[in-house]
C-alpha atoms as a PDB file:
ATOM      1  CA  MET A   1     138.442  96.634  98.650  1.00  0.00           C
ATOM      2  CA  ARG A   2     141.740  96.994  96.807  1.00  0.00           C
ATOM      3  CA  SER A   3     142.089  99.015  93.636  1.00  0.00           C
ATOM      4  CA  GLY A   4     141.084  96.762  90.773  1.00  0.00           C
ATOM      5  CA  LEU A   5     139.623  94.082  93.049  1.00  0.00           C
ATOM      6  CA  ILE A   6     136.501  93.468  95.072  1.00  0.00           C
ATOM      7  CA  ARG A   7     135.964  90.708  97.634  1.00  0.00           C
ATOM      8  CA  VAL A   8     132.903  88.459  97.808  1.00  0.00           C
ATOM      9  CA  ALA A   9     131.668  89.979 101.068  1.00  0.00           C
ATOM     10  CA  GLU A  10     131.540  93.456  99.586  1.00  0.00           C
ATOM     11  CA  LEU A  11     129.966  92.328  96.336  1.00  0.00           C
ATOM     12  CA  ARG A  12     127.149  90.609  98.242  1.00  0.00           C
ATOM     13  CA  THR A  13     126.207  93.952  99.784  1.00  0.00           C
ATOM     14  CA  THR A  14     126.454  95.959  96.551  1.00  0.00           C
ATOM     15  CA  LEU A  15     124.886  93.684  93.919  1.00  0.00           C
ATOM     16  CA  GLY A  16     122.185  96.233  93.166  1.00  0.00           C
ATOM     17  CA  GLU A  17     124.699  99.027  92.666  1.00  0.00           C
ATOM     18  CA  VAL A  18     127.008  97.539  90.027  1.00  0.00           C
ATOM     19  CA  SER A  19     126.942  96.112  86.523  1.00  0.00           C
ATOM     20  CA  LEU A  20     128.035  92.492  86.982  1.00  0.00           C
ATOM     21  CA  LEU A  21     129.673  90.638  84.090  1.00  0.00           C
ATOM     22  CA  ASP A  22     130.211  86.869  83.935  1.00  0.00           C
ATOM     23  CA  VAL A  23     133.101  86.205  81.537  1.00  0.00           C
ATOM     24  CA  ARG A  24     133.714  82.526  82.263  1.00  0.00           C
ATOM     25  CA  TYR A  25     136.003  81.105  79.630  1.00  0.00           C
ATOM     26  CA  ARG A  26     138.750  78.549  79.473  1.00  0.00           C
ATOM     27  CA  MET A  27     140.866  77.643  76.492  1.00  0.00           C
ATOM     28  CA  GLY A  28     139.955  74.076  75.605  1.00  0.00           C
ATOM     29  CA  GLY A  29     137.516  73.922  78.527  1.00  0.00           C
ATOM     30  CA  PRO A  30     133.733  73.828  78.886  1.00  0.00           C
ATOM     31  CA  GLY A  31     131.720  76.526  77.180  1.00  0.00           C
ATOM     32  CA  GLY A  32     130.967  79.588  79.267  1.00  0.00           C
ATOM     33  CA  PRO A  33     127.357  80.103  78.096  1.00  0.00           C
ATOM     34  CA  GLY A  34     126.341  76.630  79.251  1.00  0.00           C
ATOM     35  CA  GLU A  35     127.981  77.085  82.618  1.00  0.00           C
ATOM     36  CA  TYR A  36     126.354  80.503  82.957  1.00  0.00           C
ATOM     37  CA  ALA A  37     122.895  79.072  82.274  1.00  0.00           C
ATOM     38  CA  ALA A  38     123.497  76.293  84.808  1.00  0.00           C
ATOM     39  CA  GLY A  39     124.389  78.789  87.515  1.00  0.00           C
ATOM     40  CA  HIS A  40     125.673  82.343  87.889  1.00  0.00           C
ATOM     41  CA  ILE A  41     125.754  85.199  90.356  1.00  0.00           C
ATOM     42  CA  PRO A  42     122.347  86.889  90.442  1.00  0.00           C
ATOM     43  CA  ARG A  43     122.078  89.997  88.228  1.00  0.00           C
ATOM     44  CA  ALA A  44     125.129  88.993  86.170  1.00  0.00           C
ATOM     45  CA  SER A  45     125.140  89.257  82.373  1.00  0.00           C
ATOM     46  CA  TYR A  46     127.201  86.834  80.325  1.00  0.00           C
ATOM     47  CA  VAL A  47     129.961  88.248  78.121  1.00  0.00           C
ATOM     48  CA  ASP A  48     131.652  85.960  75.586  1.00  0.00           C
ATOM     49  CA  LEU A  49     135.409  86.406  75.361  1.00  0.00           C
ATOM     50  CA  ASP A  50     135.783  85.200  71.768  1.00  0.00           C
ATOM     51  CA  ARG A  51     132.769  87.146  70.465  1.00  0.00           C
ATOM     52  CA  ASP A  52     132.765  90.292  72.615  1.00  0.00           C
ATOM     53  CA  LEU A  53     136.296  90.750  73.949  1.00  0.00           C
ATOM     54  CA  ALA A  54     138.347  89.788  70.897  1.00  0.00           C
ATOM     55  CA  ALA A  55     138.297  90.033  67.127  1.00  0.00           C
ATOM     56  CA  ALA A  56     138.727  87.014  64.871  1.00  0.00           C
ATOM     57  CA  PRO A  57     142.191  85.399  64.843  1.00  0.00           C
ATOM     58  CA  GLY A  58     144.511  86.669  62.145  1.00  0.00           C
ATOM     59  CA  GLU A  59     147.818  88.377  61.520  1.00  0.00           C
ATOM     60  CA  HIS A  60     147.509  90.243  64.818  1.00  0.00           C
ATOM     61  CA  GLY A  61     147.260  87.074  66.870  1.00  0.00           C
ATOM     62  CA  ARG A  62     144.740  84.638  68.283  1.00  0.00           C
ATOM     63  CA  HIS A  63     142.829  87.217  70.338  1.00  0.00           C
ATOM     64  CA  PRO A  64     143.226  90.650  68.721  1.00  0.00           C
ATOM     65  CA  LEU A  65     141.503  93.564  70.389  1.00  0.00           C
ATOM     66  CA  PRO A  66     137.804  93.661  69.493  1.00  0.00           C
ATOM     67  CA  ASP A  67     136.370  96.094  67.013  1.00  0.00           C
ATOM     68  CA  LEU A  68     135.355  99.206  68.938  1.00  0.00           C
ATOM     69  CA  ALA A  69     131.699  99.048  67.829  1.00  0.00           C
ATOM     70  CA  VAL A  70     131.448  95.347  68.696  1.00  0.00           C
ATOM     71  CA  PHE A  71     132.901  95.900  72.162  1.00  0.00           C
ATOM     72  CA  GLU A  72     130.743  98.937  72.865  1.00  0.00           C
ATOM     73  CA  ALA A  73     127.568  97.113  71.795  1.00  0.00           C
ATOM     74  CA  ALA A  74     128.450  94.106  73.959  1.00  0.00           C
ATOM     75  CA  MET A  75     129.011  96.287  77.006  1.00  0.00           C
ATOM     76  CA  ARG A  76     125.732  98.124  76.444  1.00  0.00           C
ATOM     77  CA  ARG A  77     123.879  94.796  76.134  1.00  0.00           C
ATOM     78  CA  ALA A  78     125.410  93.831  79.459  1.00  0.00           C
ATOM     79  CA  GLY A  79     124.105  97.021  81.077  1.00  0.00           C
ATOM     80  CA  VAL A  80     127.422  98.843  81.362  1.00  0.00           C
ATOM     81  CA  SER A  81     127.256 102.611  81.873  1.00  0.00           C
ATOM     82  CA  ALA A  82     130.078 105.019  82.589  1.00  0.00           C
ATOM     83  CA  ALA A  83     128.481 106.225  85.823  1.00  0.00           C
ATOM     84  CA  ARG A  84     127.934 102.735  87.256  1.00  0.00           C
ATOM     85  CA  PRO A  85     130.741 100.583  88.753  1.00  0.00           C
ATOM     86  CA  VAL A  86     131.472  97.313  86.959  1.00  0.00           C
ATOM     87  CA  VAL A  87     132.450  93.994  88.558  1.00  0.00           C
ATOM     88  CA  VAL A  88     133.802  91.168  86.417  1.00  0.00           C
ATOM     89  CA  TYR A  89     134.279  87.509  87.349  1.00  0.00           C
ATOM     90  CA  ASP A  90     135.242  84.165  85.830  1.00  0.00           C
ATOM     91  CA  ASP A  91     136.304  80.679  86.902  1.00  0.00           C
ATOM     92  CA  TRP A  92     139.731  80.776  85.238  1.00  0.00           C
ATOM     93  CA  ALA A  93     141.814  82.288  88.039  1.00  0.00           C
ATOM     94  CA  GLY A  94     140.837  85.784  86.918  1.00  0.00           C
ATOM     95  CA  HIS A  95     142.421  85.597  83.459  1.00  0.00           C
ATOM     96  CA  ALA A  96     139.301  86.248  81.366  1.00  0.00           C
ATOM     97  CA  ALA A  97     138.047  88.719  83.963  1.00  0.00           C
ATOM     98  CA  ALA A  98     141.339  90.621  83.770  1.00  0.00           C
ATOM     99  CA  ARG A  99     140.958  90.846  79.974  1.00  0.00           C
ATOM    100  CA  CYS A 100     137.515  92.438  80.398  1.00  0.00           C
ATOM    101  CA  TRP A 101     138.814  94.685  83.197  1.00  0.00           C
ATOM    102  CA  TRP A 102     141.643  95.875  80.965  1.00  0.00           C
ATOM    103  CA  LEU A 103     139.396  96.489  77.951  1.00  0.00           C
ATOM    104  CA  LEU A 104     136.901  98.528  79.949  1.00  0.00           C
ATOM    105  CA  ARG A 105     139.645 100.576  81.586  1.00  0.00           C
ATOM    106  CA  HIS A 106     141.432 101.024  78.249  1.00  0.00           C
ATOM    107  CA  HIS A 107     138.183 102.244  76.698  1.00  0.00           C
ATOM    108  CA  GLY A 108     137.574 104.814  79.400  1.00  0.00           C
ATOM    109  CA  HIS A 109     135.567 103.219  82.227  1.00  0.00           C
ATOM    110  CA  ARG A 110     136.987 104.494  85.500  1.00  0.00           C
ATOM    111  CA  ASP A 111     135.564 101.998  88.005  1.00  0.00           C
ATOM    112  CA  VAL A 112     136.075  98.348  87.062  1.00  0.00           C
ATOM    113  CA  ARG A 113     136.902  95.598  89.531  1.00  0.00           C
ATOM    114  CA  VAL A 114     137.673  91.909  89.295  1.00  0.00           C
ATOM    115  CA  LEU A 115     135.985  89.630  91.823  1.00  0.00           C
ATOM    116  CA  ASP A 116     138.917  88.225  93.798  1.00  0.00           C
ATOM    117  CA  GLY A 117     138.682  84.438  93.644  1.00  0.00           C
ATOM    118  CA  GLY A 118     135.904  84.614  91.052  1.00  0.00           C
ATOM    119  CA  TRP A 119     133.061  82.145  90.777  1.00  0.00           C
ATOM    120  CA  PRO A 120     134.760  79.555  93.057  1.00  0.00           C
ATOM    121  CA  ALA A 121     135.086  82.124  95.848  1.00  0.00           C
ATOM    122  CA  TRP A 122     131.424  83.091  95.455  1.00  0.00           C
ATOM    123  CA  ARG A 123     130.338  79.447  95.722  1.00  0.00           C
ATOM    124  CA  GLU A 124     132.644  78.739  98.655  1.00  0.00           C
ATOM    125  CA  ALA A 125     131.093  81.683 100.516  1.00  0.00           C
ATOM    126  CA  GLY A 126     127.581  80.302  99.963  1.00  0.00           C
ATOM    127  CA  GLY A 127     126.531  83.088  97.618  1.00  0.00           C
ATOM    128  CA  ASP A 128     123.133  82.919  95.942  1.00  0.00           C
ATOM    129  CA  VAL A 129     123.001  81.300  92.508  1.00  0.00           C
ATOM    130  CA  ALA A 130     120.677  82.175  89.627  1.00  0.00           C
ATOM    131  CA  THR A 131     120.018  79.965  86.605  1.00  0.00           C
ATOM    132  CA  GLY A 132     118.764  80.436  83.076  1.00  0.00           C
ATOM    133  CA  ALA A 133     119.455  83.051  80.455  1.00  0.00           C
ATOM    134  CA  GLY A 134     119.583  86.019  82.835  1.00  0.00           C
ATOM    135  CA  GLU A 135     119.367  89.626  81.807  1.00  0.00           C
ATOM    136  CA  ALA A 136     121.165  92.929  82.298  1.00  0.00           C
ATOM    137  CA  THR A 137     120.085  95.213  85.114  1.00  0.00           C
ATOM    138  CA  GLY A 138     119.129  97.753  82.441  1.00  0.00           C
ATOM    139  CA  PRO A 139     120.349  98.999  79.071  1.00  0.00           C
ATOM    140  CA  GLY A 140     123.810 100.499  79.222  1.00  0.00           C
ATOM    141  CA  ASP A 141     125.039 103.703  77.653  1.00  0.00           C
ATOM    142  CA  PHE A 142     128.780 103.092  77.774  1.00  0.00           C
ATOM    143  CA  THR A 143     130.754 104.872  75.049  1.00  0.00           C
ATOM    144  CA  ALA A 144     134.044 103.162  74.253  1.00  0.00           C
ATOM    145  CA  ALA A 145     136.987 105.516  73.748  1.00  0.00           C
ATOM    146  CA  PRO A 146     140.291 103.614  73.543  1.00  0.00           C
ATOM    147  CA  GLY A 147     143.637 104.911  74.708  1.00  0.00           C
ATOM    148  CA  HIS A 148     143.194 105.245  78.479  1.00  0.00           C
ATOM    149  CA  LEU A 149     145.679 102.446  79.231  1.00  0.00           C
ATOM    150  CA  PRO A 150     149.000 102.112  77.386  1.00  0.00           C
ATOM    151  CA  THR A 151     149.731  99.537  74.700  1.00  0.00           C
ATOM    152  CA  VAL A 152     152.688  98.480  72.602  1.00  0.00           C
ATOM    153  CA  ASP A 153     152.740  96.672  69.270  1.00  0.00           C
ATOM    154  CA  ALA A 154     155.136  94.470  67.342  1.00  0.00           C
ATOM    155  CA  THR A 155     157.233  97.474  66.318  1.00  0.00           C
ATOM    156  CA  THR A 156     157.578  98.980  69.810  1.00  0.00           C
ATOM    157  CA  VAL A 157     157.388  96.057  72.222  1.00  0.00           C
ATOM    158  CA  ARG A 158     161.163  95.583  72.403  1.00  0.00           C
ATOM    159  CA  THR A 159     161.731  99.234  73.294  1.00  0.00           C
ATOM    160  CA  ALA A 160     160.227  98.689  76.760  1.00  0.00           C
ATOM    161  CA  GLU A 161     162.717  98.985  79.597  1.00  0.00           C
ATOM    162  CA  VAL A 162     161.220  95.847  81.152  1.00  0.00           C
ATOM    163  CA  LEU A 163     159.330  93.383  78.962  1.00  0.00           C
ATOM    164  CA  VAL A 164     157.419  90.781  80.971  1.00  0.00           C
ATOM    165  CA  ASP A 165     156.313  87.429  79.525  1.00  0.00           C
ATOM    166  CA  ALA A 166     153.283  86.223  81.507  1.00  0.00           C
ATOM    167  CA  ARG A 167     153.263  82.640  80.201  1.00  0.00           C
ATOM    168  CA  ALA A 168     154.290  79.527  82.126  1.00  0.00           C
ATOM    169  CA  ALA A 169     158.044  79.170  82.556  1.00  0.00           C
ATOM    170  CA  GLU A 170     158.375  76.156  80.265  1.00  0.00           C
ATOM    171  CA  ARG A 171     156.686  78.028  77.425  1.00  0.00           C
ATOM    172  CA  TYR A 172     158.866  81.076  78.015  1.00  0.00           C
ATOM    173  CA  ARG A 173     161.987  78.908  77.864  1.00  0.00           C
ATOM    174  CA  GLY A 174     160.766  77.277  74.659  1.00  0.00           C
ATOM    175  CA  GLU A 175     160.677  73.767  76.106  1.00  0.00           C
ATOM    176  CA  VAL A 176     157.050  73.277  75.091  1.00  0.00           C
ATOM    177  CA  GLU A 177     154.582  75.188  72.948  1.00  0.00           C
ATOM    178  CA  PRO A 178     151.075  73.704  73.008  1.00  0.00           C
ATOM    179  CA  VAL A 179     149.317  76.449  71.037  1.00  0.00           C
ATOM    180  CA  ASP A 180     151.507  78.556  68.781  1.00  0.00           C
ATOM    181  CA  PRO A 181     153.697  77.312  65.886  1.00  0.00           C
ATOM    182  CA  VAL A 182     157.014  78.543  67.321  1.00  0.00           C
ATOM    183  CA  ALA A 183     158.419  78.044  70.823  1.00  0.00           C
ATOM    184  CA  GLY A 184     160.446  80.575  72.795  1.00  0.00           C
ATOM    185  CA  HIS A 185     160.113  84.204  73.809  1.00  0.00           C
ATOM    186  CA  VAL A 186     160.715  87.743  72.594  1.00  0.00           C
ATOM    187  CA  PRO A 187     164.434  88.479  73.011  1.00  0.00           C
ATOM    188  CA  GLY A 188     165.124  90.466  76.158  1.00  0.00           C
ATOM    189  CA  ALA A 189     161.888  89.493  77.894  1.00  0.00           C
ATOM    190  CA  VAL A 190     161.787  88.340  81.513  1.00  0.00           C
ATOM    191  CA  ASN A 191     159.319  85.806  82.833  1.00  0.00           C
ATOM    192  CA  VAL A 192     156.697  86.382  85.545  1.00  0.00           C
ATOM    193  CA  PRO A 193     154.010  83.693  85.030  1.00  0.00           C
ATOM    194  CA  SER A 194     150.500  84.905  85.774  1.00  0.00           C
ATOM    195  CA  ALA A 195     150.100  81.998  88.206  1.00  0.00           C
ATOM    196  CA  SER A 196     152.596  83.704  90.515  1.00  0.00           C
ATOM    197  CA  ASN A 197     150.119  86.562  91.034  1.00  0.00           C
ATOM    198  CA  LEU A 198     147.844  84.323  93.124  1.00  0.00           C
ATOM    199  CA  ASP A 199     148.058  82.628  96.503  1.00  0.00           C
ATOM    200  CA  GLU A 200     147.083  79.059  97.335  1.00  0.00           C
ATOM    201  CA  SER A 201     143.414  80.020  97.588  1.00  0.00           C
ATOM    202  CA  GLY A 202     143.331  81.424  94.053  1.00  0.00           C
ATOM    203  CA  ARG A 203     143.161  85.027  95.211  1.00  0.00           C
ATOM    204  CA  PHE A 204     145.574  87.815  94.354  1.00  0.00           C
ATOM    205  CA  ARG A 205     148.564  88.060  96.645  1.00  0.00           C
ATOM    206  CA  ASP A 206     149.097  91.051  98.885  1.00  0.00           C
ATOM    207  CA  PRO A 207     150.255  94.157  96.990  1.00  0.00           C
ATOM    208  CA  ALA A 208     153.563  94.201  98.872  1.00  0.00           C
ATOM    209  CA  ALA A 209     154.265  90.595  97.871  1.00  0.00           C
ATOM    210  CA  LEU A 210     153.369  91.344  94.252  1.00  0.00           C
ATOM    211  CA  ALA A 211     155.597  94.412  94.290  1.00  0.00           C
ATOM    212  CA  ALA A 212     158.507  92.330  95.568  1.00  0.00           C
ATOM    213  CA  THR A 213     158.018  89.697  92.858  1.00  0.00           C
ATOM    214  CA  TYR A 214     157.970  92.223  90.049  1.00  0.00           C
ATOM    215  CA  ALA A 215     160.800  94.272  91.527  1.00  0.00           C
ATOM    216  CA  GLU A 216     163.028  91.220  91.076  1.00  0.00           C
ATOM    217  CA  VAL A 217     162.787  91.703  87.298  1.00  0.00           C
ATOM    218  CA  GLY A 218     162.983  95.496  87.410  1.00  0.00           C
ATOM    219  CA  ALA A 219     159.264  96.209  87.093  1.00  0.00           C
ATOM    220  CA  VAL A 220     159.043  98.968  89.681  1.00  0.00           C
ATOM    221  CA  PRO A 221     157.071 102.219  89.884  1.00  0.00           C
ATOM    222  CA  GLY A 222     158.325 104.651  87.252  1.00  0.00           C
ATOM    223  CA  ALA A 223     159.878 101.977  85.027  1.00  0.00           C
ATOM    224  CA  ASP A 224     158.801 101.570  81.405  1.00  0.00           C
ATOM    225  CA  VAL A 225     157.074  98.166  81.624  1.00  0.00           C
ATOM    226  CA  ALA A 226     155.226  96.155  78.976  1.00  0.00           C
ATOM    227  CA  VAL A 227     153.594  92.722  79.241  1.00  0.00           C
ATOM    228  CA  TYR A 228     152.736  90.004  76.735  1.00  0.00           C
ATOM    229  CA  CYS A 229     151.567  86.386  76.841  1.00  0.00           C
ATOM    230  CA  GLY A 230     150.375  83.925  74.206  1.00  0.00           C
ATOM    231  CA  SER A 231     147.515  85.943  72.746  1.00  0.00           C
ATOM    232  CA  GLY A 232     147.045  89.022  74.934  1.00  0.00           C
ATOM    233  CA  VAL A 233     144.553  87.536  77.407  1.00  0.00           C
ATOM    234  CA  THR A 234     146.596  86.300  80.371  1.00  0.00           C
ATOM    235  CA  ALA A 235     148.983  89.253  80.011  1.00  0.00           C
ATOM    236  CA  ALA A 236     146.145  91.437  81.337  1.00  0.00           C
ATOM    237  CA  HIS A 237     146.379  89.396  84.556  1.00  0.00           C
ATOM    238  CA  ASP A 238     149.968  90.601  85.002  1.00  0.00           C
ATOM    239  CA  VAL A 239     148.931  94.167  84.125  1.00  0.00           C
ATOM    240  CA  LEU A 240     146.303  94.004  86.890  1.00  0.00           C
ATOM    241  CA  ALA A 241     148.798  92.520  89.367  1.00  0.00           C
ATOM    242  CA  LEU A 242     151.261  95.257  88.499  1.00  0.00           C
ATOM    243  CA  GLU A 243     148.596  97.901  89.078  1.00  0.00           C
ATOM    244  CA  LEU A 244     147.933  96.404  92.509  1.00  0.00           C
ATOM    245  CA  ALA A 245     151.686  96.715  93.112  1.00  0.00           C
ATOM    246  CA  GLY A 246     151.667 100.360  92.062  1.00  0.00           C
ATOM    247  CA  VAL A 247     153.241  99.845  88.630  1.00  0.00           C
ATOM    248  CA  THR A 248     151.706 101.031  85.356  1.00  0.00           C
ATOM    249  CA  ALA A 249     152.348  98.562  82.524  1.00  0.00           C
ATOM    250  CA  ALA A 250     151.543  98.585  78.819  1.00  0.00           C
ATOM    251  CA  LEU A 251     149.859  95.588  77.202  1.00  0.00           C
ATOM    252  CA  TYR A 252     151.060  94.001  73.959  1.00  0.00           C
ATOM    253  CA  PRO A 253     147.662  92.845  72.624  1.00  0.00           C
ATOM    254  CA  GLY A 254     148.999  90.682  69.800  1.00  0.00           C
ATOM    255  CA  SER A 255     151.517  88.978  72.079  1.00  0.00           C
ATOM    256  CA  TRP A 256     153.446  85.856  71.102  1.00  0.00           C
ATOM    257  CA  SER A 257     150.861  84.648  68.589  1.00  0.00           C
ATOM    258  CA  GLU A 258     151.317  87.854  66.591  1.00  0.00           C
ATOM    259  CA  TRP A 259     155.070  88.003  67.118  1.00  0.00           C
ATOM    260  CA  VAL A 260     155.726  84.584  65.563  1.00  0.00           C
ATOM    261  CA  ALA A 261     153.329  85.178  62.658  1.00  0.00           C
ATOM    262  CA  ASP A 262     156.208  87.010  60.987  1.00  0.00           C
ATOM    263  CA  PRO A 263     159.179  84.623  60.585  1.00  0.00           C
ATOM    264  CA  SER A 264     161.588  87.539  60.303  1.00  0.00           C
ATOM    265  CA  ARG A 265     161.091  88.466  63.961  1.00  0.00           C
ATOM    266  CA  PRO A 266     163.771  87.112  66.311  1.00  0.00           C
ATOM    267  CA  VAL A 267     163.036  84.373  68.856  1.00  0.00           C
ATOM    268  CA  ALA A 268     164.976  83.479  72.000  1.00  0.00           C
ATOM    269  CA  THR A 269     164.944  80.275  74.047  1.00  0.00           C
ATOM    270  CA  GLY A 270     166.276  79.229  77.408  1.00  0.00           C
END
């Protein structure tokens, strides 16, 4: 086990000891609830990213942080308790799972891990599959108390010593923008696409390799680091990778979708 991650082999031996959350989600892809019903890891509860892990789109971006009461209720429905470890998985290279990992950690849960390789790794290993609606292992009692992980907002994001843009390189450079109305990046930001956190098998790279990648842009232990993406979801993937590398990073929840909502904010390209 690495901090923040758990491997399939260990999860198979500890299924009865953790709260397991299925957060399968893909922008523009198949619906997670249907995929969950068709097959999921036994004892997993489904958590909906749009409903449970984000508020409605608005001036603070496409995936603002969820209302505290909504998030707390969703975690309790899923059986989450402060005293019980949580494991989160998806089939989107860990992006949705990292969002849930970050939210739980930010709201005070001390033991949350992302299944390395997610649902594909579980299936490749021949893990058991359950079908149907599923149910939580028991009612949770988690109390959400935000502030345990750092954040920045539109007024403070540019004060970070190192500002990391987690989007694909072509979006960072402003060559394409498939989602938001303006292309480019926050002036001064450097680009470390979330895809670079993974190896060819879809698992997180070794901590030393991650540390070397982020050190190239100045994101080293002790530096003031913040991360953003399109809407605050995939940026959590970089925050997790940075934690594996020994670097604490703040998340900009509103990210690019909030930044460009105000036309007075500067935009860089190239």
